[in-house]
């Protein structure tokens, strides 16, 4: 079982890129995207459930016990990154829908595949995994306020409260509660322990499933929003280049060890595009611009992760050499 899990995680990047290619191909053979769009939320709920399931309660307590790490994580994602985004959006046209898409995706830190990418990049992935519920809850609470700050009265017209309440309930509360129940059952029953082991194989396939349904449902709309997608690419590239360095800087300010610091760098630079897509689709008039803008960030980010797993892994190595000397 562990060998299968290790194989899936080790080939995660390849699996995701193959899934993206497959999703693009599937989109050309489907007459419409309604069924796929309806599958996004259930697929996300499954992905988040199996992600939360990988967080033992002891690890969750450990994460909250690591006060400096959690403080650095929150400062990087909810203070420093919004300041960076505030600068970057000034280079976008003053189109509310275009800016809303960029803000939705860049203001929300990733809580799923960032864990495995950080593991590949020699970061403290378990500590980051244990902090994922806190990250998801915090971003859902703060995002509406950030949108109002950045967009003013326009946000009130474009963003409603109901999708955020639904997202909190179905993408946070229910998957987290089910994960806790599953863990408690596994501790008392050998049969449930085996079920838990089988579910432990699902994080990578579940994330691939979300990529499949999201991209296959959005690609047919890209032709109508090609201009919008192209205009946001430079913003996403700039974010991808700057954010890891800012995350590492915050980690150094908080005096974190190198593996924990790399986790902050990964978290600051990896965004939650898959989870915010349902929020975007709930915005009146969202299609085709908002989905196209958000999925474009996903594609830029997946390419960026290939560099991150090599470059971020080198951060702090000089410190280790100095300590050994």
Protein backbone atom coordinates (compact mmCIF):
# COMPACT_ATOMS: atom_id res chain seq x y z
CA UNK A 1 0.00 0.00 0.00
CA UNK A 2 2.75 2.43 0.97
CA UNK A 3 4.63 1.62 -2.24
CA UNK A 4 1.60 2.58 -4.33
CA UNK A 5 1.21 5.80 -2.38
CA UNK A 6 4.89 6.66 -2.77
CA UNK A 7 4.70 5.92 -6.51
CA UNK A 8 1.69 8.22 -6.91
CA UNK A 9 3.33 11.04 -4.97
CA UNK A 10 6.66 10.60 -6.74
CA UNK A 11 4.99 10.83 -10.16
CA UNK A 12 2.56 13.55 -9.12
CA UNK A 13 3.85 16.22 -11.48
CA UNK A 14 3.65 13.88 -14.48
CA UNK A 15 0.14 12.77 -13.46
CA UNK A 16 -1.08 16.36 -13.27
CA UNK A 17 0.35 17.37 -16.64
CA UNK A 18 -1.08 14.25 -18.31
CA UNK A 19 -4.42 15.07 -16.68
CA UNK A 20 -4.31 18.62 -18.04
CA UNK A 21 -3.63 17.29 -21.55
CA UNK A 22 -6.41 14.71 -21.20
CA UNK A 23 -8.84 17.36 -19.93
CA UNK A 24 -8.08 19.56 -22.92
CA UNK A 25 -8.72 16.62 -25.25
CA UNK A 26 -11.95 15.64 -23.47
CA UNK A 27 -13.30 19.17 -23.75
CA UNK A 28 -13.28 18.97 -27.56
CA UNK A 29 -15.48 15.87 -27.59
CA UNK A 30 -18.13 17.05 -25.12
CA UNK A 31 -21.05 19.08 -26.46
CA UNK A 32 -21.37 21.14 -23.28
CA UNK A 33 -19.81 21.76 -19.90
CA UNK A 34 -22.87 21.77 -17.62
CA UNK A 35 -22.29 18.24 -16.32
CA UNK A 36 -18.61 18.91 -15.71
CA UNK A 37 -19.30 22.17 -13.90
CA UNK A 38 -21.78 20.33 -11.66
CA UNK A 39 -19.04 17.83 -10.81
CA UNK A 40 -16.54 20.49 -9.63
CA UNK A 41 -17.87 20.87 -6.07
CA UNK A 42 -18.23 17.13 -5.33
CA UNK A 43 -14.73 16.52 -6.72
CA UNK A 44 -13.35 19.34 -4.56
CA UNK A 45 -15.10 17.99 -1.47
CA UNK A 46 -13.55 14.56 -2.08
CA UNK A 47 -10.11 16.09 -2.61
CA UNK A 48 -10.31 18.13 0.58
CA UNK A 49 -11.67 15.17 2.58
CA UNK A 50 -8.76 12.91 1.63
CA UNK A 51 -6.34 15.81 2.16
CA UNK A 52 -7.66 16.48 5.67
CA UNK A 53 -7.59 12.73 6.30
CA UNK A 54 -3.80 12.85 5.98
CA UNK A 55 -3.62 15.21 8.97
CA UNK A 56 -3.52 13.12 12.18
CA UNK A 57 -4.97 14.96 15.14
CA UNK A 58 -1.54 14.79 16.82
CA UNK A 59 -0.04 16.60 13.82
CA UNK A 60 -2.82 19.19 13.95
CA UNK A 61 -1.98 19.88 17.60
CA UNK A 62 1.70 20.02 16.63
CA UNK A 63 0.99 22.65 13.98
CA UNK A 64 -0.85 24.89 16.43
CA UNK A 65 1.96 24.32 18.91
CA UNK A 66 4.46 25.68 16.38
CA UNK A 67 3.51 29.30 17.05
CA UNK A 68 6.36 30.87 15.06
CA UNK A 69 5.67 28.68 12.03
CA UNK A 70 1.93 29.37 12.07
CA UNK A 71 2.52 33.09 12.60
CA UNK A 72 4.99 33.21 9.70
CA UNK A 73 2.58 31.25 7.50
CA UNK A 74 -0.30 33.62 8.22
CA UNK A 75 1.81 36.78 7.88
CA UNK A 76 3.27 35.61 4.58
CA UNK A 77 -0.09 34.64 3.07
CA UNK A 78 -2.42 37.26 4.53
CA UNK A 79 -0.19 40.33 4.97
CA UNK A 80 2.82 40.17 2.65
CA UNK A 81 1.19 38.43 -0.34
CA UNK A 82 -1.80 40.84 -0.38
CA UNK A 83 0.67 43.73 -0.44
CA UNK A 84 2.41 42.14 -3.43
CA UNK A 85 -0.95 41.59 -5.13
CA UNK A 86 -1.89 45.22 -4.47
CA UNK A 87 1.14 46.26 -6.50
CA UNK A 88 0.65 43.74 -9.31
CA UNK A 89 -3.02 44.52 -9.98
CA UNK A 90 -2.08 48.12 -10.76
CA UNK A 91 -0.66 46.79 -14.04
CA UNK A 92 -4.03 45.32 -15.07
CA UNK A 93 -6.70 47.16 -17.05
CA UNK A 94 -9.40 48.68 -14.87
CA UNK A 95 -11.87 45.91 -15.71
CA UNK A 96 -13.67 44.70 -12.56
CA UNK A 97 -14.21 41.12 -13.78
CA UNK A 98 -10.59 40.73 -14.86
CA UNK A 99 -9.26 42.10 -11.58
CA UNK A 100 -11.71 40.03 -9.58
CA UNK A 101 -10.42 36.83 -11.16
CA UNK A 102 -6.80 37.71 -10.39
CA UNK A 103 -7.65 38.72 -6.82
CA UNK A 104 -9.68 35.58 -6.16
CA UNK A 105 -6.82 33.32 -7.09
CA UNK A 106 -3.78 35.26 -5.84
CA UNK A 107 -5.22 36.09 -2.41
CA UNK A 108 -5.93 32.45 -1.51
CA UNK A 109 -3.08 30.08 -0.52
CA UNK A 110 -3.18 26.47 -1.74
CA UNK A 111 -4.13 23.72 0.69
CA UNK A 112 -3.82 20.56 -1.43
CA UNK A 113 -1.05 19.77 -3.92
CA UNK A 114 1.28 22.33 -2.32
CA UNK A 115 1.93 19.70 0.36
CA UNK A 116 3.42 17.18 -2.05
CA UNK A 117 5.33 19.80 -4.02
CA UNK A 118 6.82 21.08 -0.77
CA UNK A 119 7.80 17.52 0.12
CA UNK A 120 9.58 17.19 -3.22
CA UNK A 121 11.29 20.53 -2.50
CA UNK A 122 12.74 19.34 0.86
CA UNK A 123 10.33 21.41 2.94
CA UNK A 124 8.58 20.38 6.15
CA UNK A 125 5.54 19.07 4.30
CA UNK A 126 3.88 17.47 7.33
CA UNK A 127 3.92 20.75 9.22
CA UNK A 128 2.39 22.50 6.21
CA UNK A 129 -0.19 19.73 5.82
CA UNK A 130 -1.22 20.06 9.45
CA UNK A 131 -1.77 23.81 8.95
CA UNK A 132 -4.06 23.38 5.92
CA UNK A 133 -7.37 23.64 7.85
CA UNK A 134 -6.20 26.90 9.43
CA UNK A 135 -5.16 28.24 6.01
CA UNK A 136 -8.47 27.34 4.38
CA UNK A 137 -10.62 28.73 7.18
CA UNK A 138 -8.60 31.97 7.36
CA UNK A 139 -8.78 32.65 3.64
CA UNK A 140 -12.53 32.07 3.51
CA UNK A 141 -13.00 34.53 6.39
CA UNK A 142 -10.66 37.22 5.02
CA UNK A 143 -11.28 36.97 1.27
CA UNK A 144 -14.58 38.93 1.16
CA UNK A 145 -12.96 41.77 3.10
CA UNK A 146 -9.89 41.83 0.87
CA UNK A 147 -12.09 41.98 -2.23
CA UNK A 148 -13.92 44.98 -0.85
CA UNK A 149 -10.62 46.71 -0.05
CA UNK A 150 -9.26 46.12 -3.56
CA UNK A 151 -12.45 46.61 -5.57
CA UNK A 152 -14.52 48.92 -3.37
CA UNK A 153 -18.22 49.10 -4.10
CA UNK A 154 -17.74 47.00 -7.25
CA UNK A 155 -17.08 43.95 -5.06
CA UNK A 156 -20.44 44.36 -3.36
CA UNK A 157 -22.12 44.11 -6.75
CA UNK A 158 -20.08 41.15 -8.00
CA UNK A 159 -19.58 38.98 -4.92
CA UNK A 160 -22.38 37.64 -2.76
CA UNK A 161 -22.08 36.11 0.73
CA UNK A 162 -23.97 32.87 -0.03
CA UNK A 163 -21.20 31.17 -2.08
CA UNK A 164 -18.71 31.82 0.73
CA UNK A 165 -21.08 30.30 3.31
CA UNK A 166 -21.67 27.28 1.06
CA UNK A 167 -17.93 26.90 0.45
CA UNK A 168 -17.21 27.04 4.17
CA UNK A 169 -19.87 24.43 4.90
CA UNK A 170 -19.24 21.96 2.08
CA UNK A 171 -15.52 22.48 1.42
CA UNK A 172 -14.30 22.97 5.01
CA UNK A 173 -16.72 21.94 7.75
CA UNK A 174 -18.14 18.74 6.21
CA UNK A 175 -14.88 17.29 4.78
CA UNK A 176 -12.99 18.13 8.00
CA UNK A 177 -15.70 16.58 10.19
CA UNK A 178 -15.79 13.44 8.03
CA UNK A 179 -12.00 13.19 8.21
CA UNK A 180 -12.08 13.38 12.01
CA UNK A 181 -14.85 10.75 12.19
CA UNK A 182 -12.90 8.48 9.84
CA UNK A 183 -9.74 8.80 11.94
CA UNK A 184 -11.59 8.08 15.18
CA UNK A 185 -13.27 5.05 13.60
CA UNK A 186 -9.95 3.77 12.25
CA UNK A 187 -8.46 3.95 15.73
CA UNK A 188 -11.20 1.64 17.05
CA UNK A 189 -11.78 -0.73 14.13
CA UNK A 190 -9.33 -2.81 12.09
CA UNK A 191 -11.75 -2.72 9.15
CA UNK A 192 -11.94 1.08 9.23
CA UNK A 193 -8.16 1.21 9.57
CA UNK A 194 -7.92 -0.67 6.27
CA UNK A 195 -10.43 1.72 4.74
CA UNK A 196 -8.32 4.62 6.00
CA UNK A 197 -5.24 3.10 4.36
CA UNK A 198 -7.08 2.79 1.05
CA UNK A 199 -8.26 6.40 1.30
CA UNK A 200 -4.64 7.37 1.87
CA UNK A 201 -4.01 6.48 -1.78
CA UNK A 202 -6.48 9.09 -3.03
CA UNK A 203 -4.97 12.58 -2.54
CA UNK A 204 -3.10 12.58 -5.86
CA UNK A 205 -5.90 10.89 -7.90
CA UNK A 206 -8.51 13.16 -6.28
CA UNK A 207 -6.50 16.27 -7.17
CA UNK A 208 -6.08 14.94 -10.71
CA UNK A 209 -9.85 14.43 -10.89
CA UNK A 210 -10.43 18.06 -9.87
CA UNK A 211 -7.96 19.24 -12.51
CA UNK A 212 -9.76 17.10 -15.09
CA UNK A 213 -13.28 18.40 -14.41
CA UNK A 214 -12.16 22.00 -13.91
CA UNK A 215 -10.01 22.31 -17.01
CA UNK A 216 -12.31 20.24 -19.25
CA UNK A 217 -15.22 22.50 -18.27
CA UNK A 218 -13.28 25.74 -18.81
CA UNK A 219 -11.23 25.04 -21.97
CA UNK A 220 -14.27 25.35 -24.32
CA UNK A 221 -14.77 28.86 -22.95
CA UNK A 222 -11.15 29.95 -23.39
CA UNK A 223 -11.66 30.88 -27.02
CA UNK A 224 -14.07 33.59 -25.93
CA UNK A 225 -11.68 34.85 -23.24
CA UNK A 226 -8.29 34.46 -24.88
CA UNK A 227 -7.54 38.18 -24.59
CA UNK A 228 -8.27 38.19 -20.85
CA UNK A 229 -6.15 35.07 -20.30
CA UNK A 230 -3.19 36.57 -22.14
CA UNK A 231 -3.37 39.85 -20.22
CA UNK A 232 -3.04 38.13 -16.85
CA UNK A 233 -0.12 35.86 -17.76
CA UNK A 234 2.57 38.52 -17.03
CA UNK A 235 0.98 39.17 -13.62
CA UNK A 236 1.03 35.46 -12.76
CA UNK A 237 4.62 35.09 -13.95
CA UNK A 238 5.71 38.07 -11.85
CA UNK A 239 3.91 36.62 -8.83
CA UNK A 240 5.56 33.24 -9.39
CA UNK A 241 9.00 34.88 -9.47
CA UNK A 242 8.57 37.19 -6.46
CA UNK A 243 6.36 35.30 -3.98
CA UNK A 244 8.78 32.46 -3.06
CA UNK A 245 11.47 34.97 -2.11
CA UNK A 246 9.04 36.92 0.05
CA UNK A 247 7.92 33.74 1.78
CA UNK A 248 11.53 32.75 2.49
CA UNK A 249 12.27 36.27 3.79
CA UNK A 250 9.35 36.09 6.23
CA UNK A 251 10.57 32.69 7.41
CA UNK A 252 14.01 34.16 8.10
CA UNK A 253 12.47 37.09 9.98
CA UNK A 254 10.65 34.61 12.22
CA UNK A 255 13.82 32.57 12.71
CA UNK A 256 12.48 29.31 11.25
CA UNK A 257 14.72 26.38 10.39
CA UNK A 258 15.36 25.77 6.70
CA UNK A 259 12.75 22.99 6.08
CA UNK A 260 10.01 25.05 7.74
CA UNK A 261 11.17 28.14 5.85
CA UNK A 262 10.91 26.29 2.56
CA UNK A 263 7.32 25.39 3.48
CA UNK A 264 6.55 29.09 3.90
CA UNK A 265 8.12 29.80 0.49
CA UNK A 266 6.03 27.09 -1.17
CA UNK A 267 2.84 28.25 0.54
CA UNK A 268 3.37 31.91 -0.36
CA UNK A 269 3.83 31.07 -4.03
CA UNK A 270 1.20 28.33 -4.54
CA UNK A 271 -2.41 29.46 -4.88
CA UNK A 272 -5.83 27.90 -4.32
CA UNK A 273 -7.20 28.15 -7.85
CA UNK A 274 -9.14 24.89 -7.78
CA UNK A 275 -11.05 25.74 -4.60
CA UNK A 276 -11.94 29.34 -5.54
CA UNK A 277 -13.31 28.38 -8.96
CA UNK A 278 -16.80 27.53 -7.59
CA UNK A 279 -16.84 30.95 -5.90
CA UNK A 280 -16.01 32.54 -9.24
CA UNK A 281 -18.70 30.59 -11.09
CA UNK A 282 -21.28 31.90 -8.61
CA UNK A 283 -20.55 35.49 -9.67
CA UNK A 284 -23.18 36.82 -12.12
CA UNK A 285 -21.67 37.11 -15.59
CA UNK A 286 -18.55 35.17 -14.56
CA UNK A 287 -18.39 33.05 -17.71
CA UNK A 288 -16.16 33.11 -19.67
CA UNK A 289 -13.68 35.61 -18.19
CA UNK A 290 -13.42 34.53 -14.53
CA UNK A 291 -12.91 30.79 -15.14
CA UNK A 292 -10.40 31.52 -17.90
CA UNK A 293 -8.41 33.92 -15.70
CA UNK A 294 -8.33 31.43 -12.81
CA UNK A 295 -7.40 28.36 -14.87
CA UNK A 296 -4.65 30.34 -16.59
CA UNK A 297 -3.06 30.81 -13.16
CA UNK A 298 -3.25 27.05 -12.57
CA UNK A 299 -1.34 26.34 -15.78
CA UNK A 300 1.34 28.96 -15.02
CA UNK A 301 1.66 27.63 -11.49
CA UNK A 302 2.09 23.98 -12.48
CA UNK A 303 5.00 25.01 -14.70
CA UNK A 304 6.42 27.13 -11.88
CA UNK A 305 6.31 24.19 -9.45
CA UNK A 306 8.81 22.35 -11.66
CA UNK A 307 11.30 25.11 -10.90
CA UNK A 308 10.30 25.43 -7.24
CA UNK A 309 11.03 21.80 -6.37
CA UNK A 310 14.60 22.34 -7.57
CA UNK A 311 15.32 25.92 -6.52
CA UNK A 312 13.49 26.19 -3.19
CA UNK A 313 15.13 22.92 -2.13
CA UNK A 314 18.46 24.78 -2.21
CA UNK A 315 17.35 27.51 0.18
CA UNK A 316 19.09 27.29 3.54
CA UNK A 317 21.68 24.73 2.50
CA UNK A 318 24.44 27.19 3.25
CA UNK A 319 23.16 27.48 6.81
CA UNK A 320 23.36 23.71 7.26
CA UNK A 321 26.92 23.65 5.92
CA UNK A 322 27.88 26.50 8.26
CA UNK A 323 26.42 24.64 11.26
CA UNK A 324 28.31 21.49 10.36
CA UNK A 325 31.51 23.48 10.01
